Amino acid sequence: MASGQSVDPVEPAGGPEGGGSFGALDAGIDELLPDAACAAAESEGKLVPVNLVFVFDRSGSMSDFGKWEPVVRSMKAFFADARSSDMSASLTYFPKSSDLYCGSTECCSIDSYAEPSVALTPLPNGTLFAASLDGVVPGGGTPTVPAMRAAIRQARGIAQAPAHRGESVAIVLVTDGMPNDNCDPQRSSVELTAAEVQDANNGEASPIKTYVVGIESPYHAGALDDLHHVARRGGTGQATMVMPSDAEGTAKAFADALDAIRTRTISCRLLIPPPPEGKVFDRRKLNVTVSDGIGVHNLAYDEKCQSEAGWHYDDIAAPSSIELCSPSCNEVRGGRGMKLAVQFGCDTRIAVH
């Protein structure tokens, strides 16, 4: 931010150029030099975890055109990838039975999908998800509505759990066709699914977005528009469609789709930790540092994220969390051994442009 613009709520009496630790950090990340005039106390800072509820279509058509194996392979790789750190995931398959037209109590019941095949598990995990996926065989129809209703219930339970306070929760639907079942023949399964995900996304306390990855199939004409409709109502714009080709091409396209979701859901936010003993939170006297095993570096406060690296409050009037600017977030997430710390007690360093 420019000097004198929107800095008053976090700026000490001297202003950004009035001494103390201001004025020296117009580059964003800078080597942190000890400030003899102030001794800060710090708490560990952690990026807010992301929880993904996967709903995976195992209907019979998923075995067509050789797409099952490469899709499963890319799913395994996503769950095992170190880039999925600070994430947790669960995995639910549908349909519950291999009855092509569903209609059965087991297939259509929300309770049948209440317990995920893999419970919420921190990532990366290269064994638990792989073992589960290896035990699944495609078969049956596409009862998306009960599976998604159960996923939304599960996602809301995660969001409301004290252990996951403040964490992000989203649903990832992976399917090769439009919702198609005999569970409620009088109503459109597409519209029912869209209405459910819209309701979840509109939750005031903890909105839950739905991402959709569609594996295209010539059997499901119109599926593209249907899945885009579900994604739009779920708050994510449009579905990502994968066109099956050879095994390697399908695996890469599906992996790219999951990478895009990881990038969109990745957290660059950390909750303001409790101050160390003897310190209190003062929004004008808080700083964020990053250590890389070699040195300690300072991130400057930058409300508009105009510097190479920085941070800002979620709400400058009543802050509850710290948002890292994209370059800072990429730096922290991309480096091995990078550690965040929140310092209390010294004037907030402001980026000057």
Protein backbone atom coordinates (compact mmCIF):
# COMPACT_ATOMS: atom_id res chain seq x y z
CA MET A 1 0.00 0.00 0.00
CA ALA A 2 1.20 3.52 -0.52
CA SER A 3 2.48 5.42 2.46
CA GLY A 4 -0.43 7.05 4.24
CA GLN A 5 -3.09 4.87 2.57
CA SER A 6 -5.18 2.60 4.80
CA VAL A 7 -2.41 2.15 7.33
CA ASP A 8 -3.81 4.00 10.30
CA PRO A 9 -5.49 0.97 11.95
CA VAL A 10 -2.17 -0.88 12.16
CA GLU A 11 0.26 2.03 12.08
CA PRO A 12 2.00 3.28 15.24
CA ALA A 13 2.04 6.92 16.15
CA GLY A 14 5.21 7.61 14.18
CA GLY A 15 3.65 6.49 10.86
CA PRO A 16 5.23 4.13 8.36
CA GLU A 17 8.25 6.40 7.91
CA GLY A 18 8.49 7.65 11.46
CA GLY A 19 11.14 5.38 12.88
CA GLY A 20 10.89 2.06 14.66
CA SER A 21 10.85 -0.82 12.16
CA PHE A 22 8.88 0.98 9.40
CA GLY A 23 10.35 2.24 6.17
CA ALA A 24 12.97 -0.52 5.84
CA LEU A 25 10.67 -3.08 4.24
CA ASP A 26 9.54 -1.66 0.90
CA ALA A 27 10.63 -4.93 -0.76
CA GLY A 28 8.17 -7.20 1.04
CA ILE A 29 10.42 -10.03 2.25
CA ASP A 30 13.53 -8.63 3.86
CA GLU A 31 16.18 -10.03 6.15
CA LEU A 32 14.88 -9.52 9.66
CA LEU A 33 17.30 -7.55 11.77
CA PRO A 34 16.93 -7.42 15.56
CA ASP A 35 15.23 -4.27 16.77
CA ALA A 36 17.08 -3.10 19.82
CA ALA A 37 14.18 -0.88 20.85
CA CYS A 38 11.67 -3.72 21.00
CA ALA A 39 11.70 -7.35 22.13
CA ALA A 40 8.93 -9.36 20.49
CA ALA A 41 7.50 -12.64 21.71
CA GLU A 42 6.31 -15.12 19.10
CA SER A 43 3.90 -17.98 18.59
CA GLU A 44 4.03 -20.63 15.89
CA GLY A 45 1.94 -19.83 12.84
CA LYS A 46 0.21 -22.53 10.79
CA LEU A 47 -1.73 -22.24 7.56
CA VAL A 48 -5.39 -23.13 8.01
CA PRO A 49 -5.90 -26.74 6.83
CA VAL A 50 -8.22 -27.61 3.94
CA ASN A 51 -10.61 -30.58 4.15
CA LEU A 52 -11.82 -32.17 0.91
CA VAL A 53 -14.77 -34.58 0.84
CA PHE A 54 -14.38 -36.70 -2.31
CA VAL A 55 -17.47 -38.32 -3.85
CA PHE A 56 -16.27 -40.81 -6.49
CA ASP A 57 -18.49 -42.36 -9.16
CA ARG A 58 -17.87 -46.11 -9.52
CA SER A 59 -20.80 -46.73 -11.89
CA GLY A 60 -20.44 -49.34 -14.62
CA SER A 61 -19.69 -46.79 -17.35
CA MET A 62 -16.52 -45.74 -15.51
CA SER A 63 -14.94 -48.92 -16.85
CA ASP A 64 -15.65 -47.98 -20.48
CA PHE A 65 -12.94 -46.75 -22.87
CA GLY A 66 -10.15 -47.76 -20.49
CA LYS A 67 -10.67 -44.75 -18.20
CA TRP A 68 -10.96 -46.47 -14.81
CA GLU A 69 -7.30 -47.44 -14.37
CA PRO A 70 -5.74 -44.06 -15.29
CA VAL A 71 -8.32 -42.14 -13.24
CA VAL A 72 -7.68 -44.32 -10.18
CA ARG A 73 -3.93 -43.99 -10.71
CA SER A 74 -4.15 -40.20 -10.69
CA MET A 75 -6.40 -40.26 -7.61
CA LYS A 76 -3.77 -42.30 -5.76
CA ALA A 77 -1.06 -39.86 -6.83
CA PHE A 78 -3.06 -36.85 -5.59
CA PHE A 79 -3.56 -38.34 -2.14
CA ALA A 80 0.14 -39.31 -1.90
CA ASP A 81 1.55 -36.03 -3.26
CA ALA A 82 3.57 -33.88 -0.86
CA ARG A 83 1.92 -30.84 -2.43
CA SER A 84 -1.31 -31.97 -0.73
CA SER A 85 0.17 -31.25 2.70
CA ASP A 86 -1.99 -29.05 4.96
CA MET A 87 -4.96 -30.90 3.47
CA SER A 88 -7.10 -33.75 4.70
CA ALA A 89 -9.47 -35.82 2.59
CA SER A 90 -12.21 -38.42 2.87
CA LEU A 91 -13.43 -40.72 0.09
CA THR A 92 -16.94 -42.04 -0.59
CA TYR A 93 -17.95 -44.21 -3.57
CA PHE A 94 -21.31 -44.38 -5.28
CA PRO A 95 -23.45 -46.31 -6.12
CA LYS A 96 -23.62 -48.50 -3.05
CA SER A 97 -24.84 -51.47 -5.08
CA SER A 98 -24.27 -52.56 -8.68
CA ASP A 99 -27.98 -52.38 -9.55
CA LEU A 100 -27.95 -50.49 -12.85
CA TYR A 101 -31.23 -48.69 -12.26
CA CYS A 102 -30.78 -48.33 -8.53
CA GLY A 103 -34.18 -47.90 -6.89
CA SER A 104 -33.17 -50.14 -3.99
CA THR A 105 -33.24 -48.93 -0.40
CA GLU A 106 -29.50 -49.53 -0.07
CA CYS A 107 -28.67 -47.63 -3.25
CA CYS A 108 -30.96 -44.66 -2.66
CA SER A 109 -30.61 -44.16 1.08
CA ILE A 110 -28.51 -41.25 2.36
CA ASP A 111 -27.55 -43.45 5.30
CA SER A 112 -25.85 -45.89 2.92
CA TYR A 113 -23.28 -43.19 2.15
CA ALA A 114 -23.06 -41.68 5.63
CA GLU A 115 -19.77 -43.38 6.50
CA PRO A 116 -17.02 -42.71 3.94
CA SER A 117 -14.93 -45.62 2.73
CA VAL A 118 -11.89 -43.64 3.85
CA ALA A 119 -12.52 -41.35 6.81
CA LEU A 120 -11.05 -37.85 6.93
CA THR A 121 -7.28 -38.42 6.80
CA PRO A 122 -4.35 -35.96 6.73
CA LEU A 123 -2.46 -35.84 3.44
CA PRO A 124 -0.16 -36.94 1.99
CA ASN A 125 -1.10 -40.59 2.52
CA GLY A 126 0.16 -43.07 -0.03
CA THR A 127 -1.28 -46.25 1.47
CA LEU A 128 -4.76 -45.85 2.95
CA PHE A 129 -6.41 -44.33 -0.12
CA ALA A 130 -4.53 -46.61 -2.52
CA ALA A 131 -5.68 -49.73 -0.65
CA SER A 132 -9.28 -48.53 -0.74
CA LEU A 133 -9.20 -47.65 -4.45
CA ASP A 134 -7.63 -51.00 -5.29
CA GLY A 135 -10.62 -52.76 -3.72
CA VAL A 136 -13.27 -51.02 -5.83
CA VAL A 137 -14.81 -52.47 -9.01
CA PRO A 138 -17.04 -50.34 -11.29
CA GLY A 139 -20.70 -51.32 -11.52
CA GLY A 140 -24.23 -49.93 -11.26
CA GLY A 141 -25.94 -46.64 -12.04
CA THR A 142 -25.35 -43.04 -10.93
CA PRO A 143 -27.39 -42.21 -7.80
CA THR A 144 -25.73 -38.84 -7.31
CA VAL A 145 -28.42 -37.23 -5.17
CA PRO A 146 -28.22 -39.47 -2.07
CA ALA A 147 -24.42 -39.62 -2.29
CA MET A 148 -24.15 -35.83 -2.45
CA ARG A 149 -26.67 -35.32 0.34
CA ALA A 150 -24.55 -37.57 2.54
CA ALA A 151 -21.36 -35.75 1.48
CA ILE A 152 -22.88 -32.38 2.38
CA ARG A 153 -23.94 -33.75 5.76
CA GLN A 154 -20.40 -35.02 6.29
CA ALA A 155 -18.83 -31.72 5.19
CA ARG A 156 -21.06 -29.73 7.52
CA GLY A 157 -20.13 -32.04 10.38
CA ILE A 158 -16.45 -31.37 9.73
CA ALA A 159 -16.99 -27.61 9.51
CA GLN A 160 -18.90 -27.56 12.81
CA ALA A 161 -16.49 -29.77 14.75
CA PRO A 162 -14.41 -27.89 17.36
CA ALA A 163 -11.28 -29.70 16.16
CA HIS A 164 -11.71 -28.10 12.72
CA ARG A 165 -12.64 -24.58 13.84
CA GLY A 166 -11.91 -22.05 11.13
CA GLU A 167 -10.78 -24.65 8.59
CA SER A 168 -11.93 -24.76 4.98
CA VAL A 169 -14.20 -27.58 3.78
CA ALA A 170 -15.15 -28.37 0.17
CA ILE A 171 -16.68 -31.27 -1.77
CA VAL A 172 -15.12 -32.80 -4.89
CA LEU A 173 -17.53 -34.74 -7.12
CA VAL A 174 -15.87 -37.05 -9.67
CA THR A 175 -18.30 -38.57 -12.17
CA ASP A 176 -18.57 -39.61 -15.80
CA GLY A 177 -22.20 -38.70 -16.35
CA MET A 178 -25.27 -36.82 -15.34
CA PRO A 179 -27.13 -37.90 -12.20
CA ASN A 180 -29.24 -40.84 -13.33
CA ASP A 181 -31.11 -43.11 -10.97
CA ASN A 182 -34.56 -44.35 -10.03
CA CYS A 183 -34.50 -42.98 -6.49
CA ASP A 184 -36.95 -40.13 -7.18
CA PRO A 185 -38.38 -40.65 -10.67
CA GLN A 186 -40.78 -37.72 -10.34
CA ARG A 187 -38.02 -35.10 -10.01
CA SER A 188 -34.90 -34.17 -11.99
CA SER A 189 -31.79 -35.65 -10.39
CA VAL A 190 -29.71 -32.89 -11.96
CA GLU A 191 -31.81 -30.14 -10.45
CA LEU A 192 -32.00 -31.91 -7.08
CA THR A 193 -28.20 -32.21 -6.98
CA ALA A 194 -27.78 -28.57 -8.01
CA ALA A 195 -30.22 -27.41 -5.35
CA GLU A 196 -28.41 -29.40 -2.63
CA VAL A 197 -24.96 -27.98 -3.46
CA GLN A 198 -26.34 -24.45 -3.73
CA ASP A 199 -27.84 -24.77 -0.26
CA ALA A 200 -24.46 -25.96 1.08
CA ASN A 201 -22.63 -23.08 -0.60
CA ASN A 202 -25.09 -20.55 0.82
CA GLY A 203 -24.49 -21.60 4.41
CA GLU A 204 -23.84 -18.42 6.39
CA ALA A 205 -21.65 -19.93 9.09
CA SER A 206 -19.42 -22.07 6.86
CA PRO A 207 -20.13 -22.09 3.12
CA ILE A 208 -19.17 -25.38 1.47
CA LYS A 209 -18.26 -25.22 -2.22
CA THR A 210 -18.58 -28.13 -4.64
CA TYR A 211 -15.96 -28.80 -7.32
CA VAL A 212 -16.94 -31.08 -10.19
CA VAL A 213 -14.61 -33.19 -12.35
CA GLY A 214 -16.42 -34.84 -15.24
CA ILE A 215 -14.97 -37.66 -17.30
CA GLU A 216 -16.72 -37.32 -20.64
CA SER A 217 -18.68 -40.24 -22.03
CA PRO A 218 -20.50 -40.58 -25.39
CA TYR A 219 -23.29 -42.38 -23.52
CA HIS A 220 -24.22 -39.24 -21.60
CA ALA A 221 -25.20 -36.57 -24.12
CA GLY A 222 -25.78 -33.28 -22.35
CA ALA A 223 -23.68 -34.25 -19.33
CA LEU A 224 -21.35 -31.30 -19.89
CA ASP A 225 -24.12 -28.74 -19.40
CA ASP A 226 -25.55 -30.68 -16.46
CA LEU A 227 -22.23 -30.86 -14.63
CA HIS A 228 -21.48 -27.18 -15.32
CA HIS A 229 -24.89 -26.43 -13.81
CA VAL A 230 -24.02 -28.34 -10.64
CA ALA A 231 -20.62 -26.62 -10.37
CA ARG A 232 -22.13 -23.16 -10.85
CA ARG A 233 -24.72 -23.77 -8.16
CA GLY A 234 -21.96 -25.14 -5.95
CA GLY A 235 -20.03 -21.88 -6.20
CA THR A 236 -17.09 -23.02 -8.35
CA GLY A 237 -18.00 -21.61 -11.75
CA GLN A 238 -17.88 -24.61 -14.02
CA ALA A 239 -16.96 -28.27 -14.06
CA THR A 240 -13.56 -29.43 -15.26
CA MET A 241 -14.12 -31.93 -18.06
CA VAL A 242 -11.65 -34.71 -18.90
CA MET A 243 -11.79 -36.26 -22.36
CA PRO A 244 -10.56 -39.89 -22.19
CA SER A 245 -7.83 -40.75 -24.68
CA ASP A 246 -5.00 -43.24 -24.23
CA ALA A 247 -4.16 -44.29 -20.66
CA GLU A 248 -1.35 -41.78 -20.17
CA GLY A 249 -3.33 -38.93 -21.71
CA THR A 250 -6.35 -39.66 -19.50
CA ALA A 251 -4.18 -39.94 -16.38
CA LYS A 252 -2.48 -36.61 -17.09
CA ALA A 253 -5.72 -34.79 -17.90
CA PHE A 254 -7.34 -36.06 -14.71
CA ALA A 255 -4.23 -35.24 -12.65
CA ASP A 256 -4.27 -31.71 -14.08
CA ALA A 257 -7.92 -31.35 -13.05
CA LEU A 258 -7.11 -32.37 -9.48
CA ASP A 259 -4.08 -30.05 -9.45
CA ALA A 260 -6.35 -27.16 -10.45
CA ILE A 261 -8.67 -27.93 -7.55
CA ARG A 262 -5.73 -28.15 -5.16
CA THR A 263 -4.53 -24.72 -6.36
CA ARG A 264 -8.00 -23.20 -5.94
CA THR A 265 -8.62 -24.62 -2.48
CA ILE A 266 -5.13 -24.22 -1.07
CA SER A 267 -5.03 -22.18 2.10
CA CYS A 268 -3.02 -18.97 2.40
CA ARG A 269 -4.66 -18.07 5.70
CA LEU A 270 -3.57 -18.58 9.27
CA LEU A 271 -5.61 -17.89 12.37
CA ILE A 272 -4.08 -15.38 14.75
CA PRO A 273 -2.62 -17.62 17.47
CA PRO A 274 -2.99 -16.88 21.18
CA PRO A 275 -0.29 -14.43 22.32
CA PRO A 276 2.56 -15.82 24.45
CA GLU A 277 2.33 -15.33 28.20
CA GLY A 278 2.72 -11.71 29.13
CA LYS A 279 1.66 -10.38 25.73
CA VAL A 280 -1.70 -9.22 24.38
CA PHE A 281 -2.95 -8.96 20.82
CA ASP A 282 -2.70 -5.46 19.40
CA ARG A 283 -3.40 -5.22 15.68
CA ARG A 284 -0.80 -2.43 15.41
CA LYS A 285 1.89 -4.56 17.03
CA LEU A 286 1.89 -7.85 15.17
CA ASN A 287 4.40 -9.16 12.62
CA VAL A 288 4.79 -12.32 10.55
CA THR A 289 8.13 -14.01 9.92
CA VAL A 290 9.30 -16.99 7.86
CA SER A 291 12.33 -19.12 8.65
CA ASP A 292 13.88 -21.36 6.02
CA GLY A 293 16.50 -23.16 8.11
CA ILE A 294 19.14 -20.61 7.16
CA GLY A 295 17.73 -17.29 8.25
CA VAL A 296 14.61 -15.54 9.48
CA HIS A 297 12.77 -13.27 7.06
CA ASN A 298 10.11 -10.67 7.63
CA LEU A 299 6.84 -10.31 5.74
CA ALA A 300 5.60 -6.74 5.56
CA TYR A 301 1.98 -5.73 6.04
CA ASP A 302 0.57 -4.98 2.58
CA GLU A 303 -3.20 -4.56 2.42
CA LYS A 304 -3.33 -4.66 -1.40
CA CYS A 305 -0.56 -7.26 -1.87
CA GLN A 306 1.43 -5.00 -4.19
CA SER A 307 4.87 -6.04 -2.93
CA GLU A 308 6.74 -9.22 -3.79
CA ALA A 309 5.69 -10.77 -0.51
CA GLY A 310 3.53 -9.73 2.38
CA TRP A 311 0.38 -10.26 4.40
CA HIS A 312 -2.76 -8.48 5.56
CA TYR A 313 -5.63 -8.99 7.99
CA ASP A 314 -8.90 -10.57 6.90
CA ASP A 315 -10.77 -7.67 8.48
CA ILE A 316 -8.69 -4.70 9.52
CA ALA A 317 -11.40 -3.45 11.91
CA ALA A 318 -11.82 -6.79 13.73
CA PRO A 319 -9.07 -9.16 12.57
CA SER A 320 -9.30 -12.88 13.30
CA SER A 321 -6.89 -14.25 10.71
CA ILE A 322 -3.85 -13.40 8.64
CA GLU A 323 -3.93 -13.70 4.84
CA LEU A 324 -0.62 -14.28 3.09
CA CYS A 325 -0.23 -12.58 -0.28
CA SER A 326 0.19 -15.06 -3.13
CA PRO A 327 4.00 -14.76 -3.49
CA SER A 328 4.43 -15.26 0.25
CA CYS A 329 2.05 -18.21 0.25
CA ASN A 330 3.85 -19.85 -2.67
CA GLU A 331 7.18 -19.29 -0.92
CA VAL A 332 5.97 -20.90 2.29
CA ARG A 333 4.22 -23.83 0.65
CA GLY A 334 6.90 -24.49 -1.94
CA GLY A 335 9.94 -24.59 0.33
CA ARG A 336 11.03 -27.49 2.48
CA GLY A 337 11.30 -26.75 6.18
CA MET A 338 9.64 -23.34 5.91
CA LYS A 339 8.12 -22.24 9.21
CA LEU A 340 5.80 -19.36 9.97
CA ALA A 341 5.83 -17.39 13.22
CA VAL A 342 3.62 -14.58 14.51
CA GLN A 343 5.37 -11.97 16.64
CA PHE A 344 3.59 -9.91 19.27
CA GLY A 345 4.65 -6.63 20.85
CA CYS A 346 6.55 -4.67 18.16
CA ASP A 347 5.21 -2.12 15.69
CA THR A 348 3.78 -3.73 12.57
CA ARG A 349 6.16 -3.37 9.64
CA ILE A 350 4.39 -1.74 6.71
CA ALA A 351 5.30 -2.17 3.04
CA VAL A 352 5.89 1.26 1.49
CA HIS A 353 5.36 1.72 -2.26
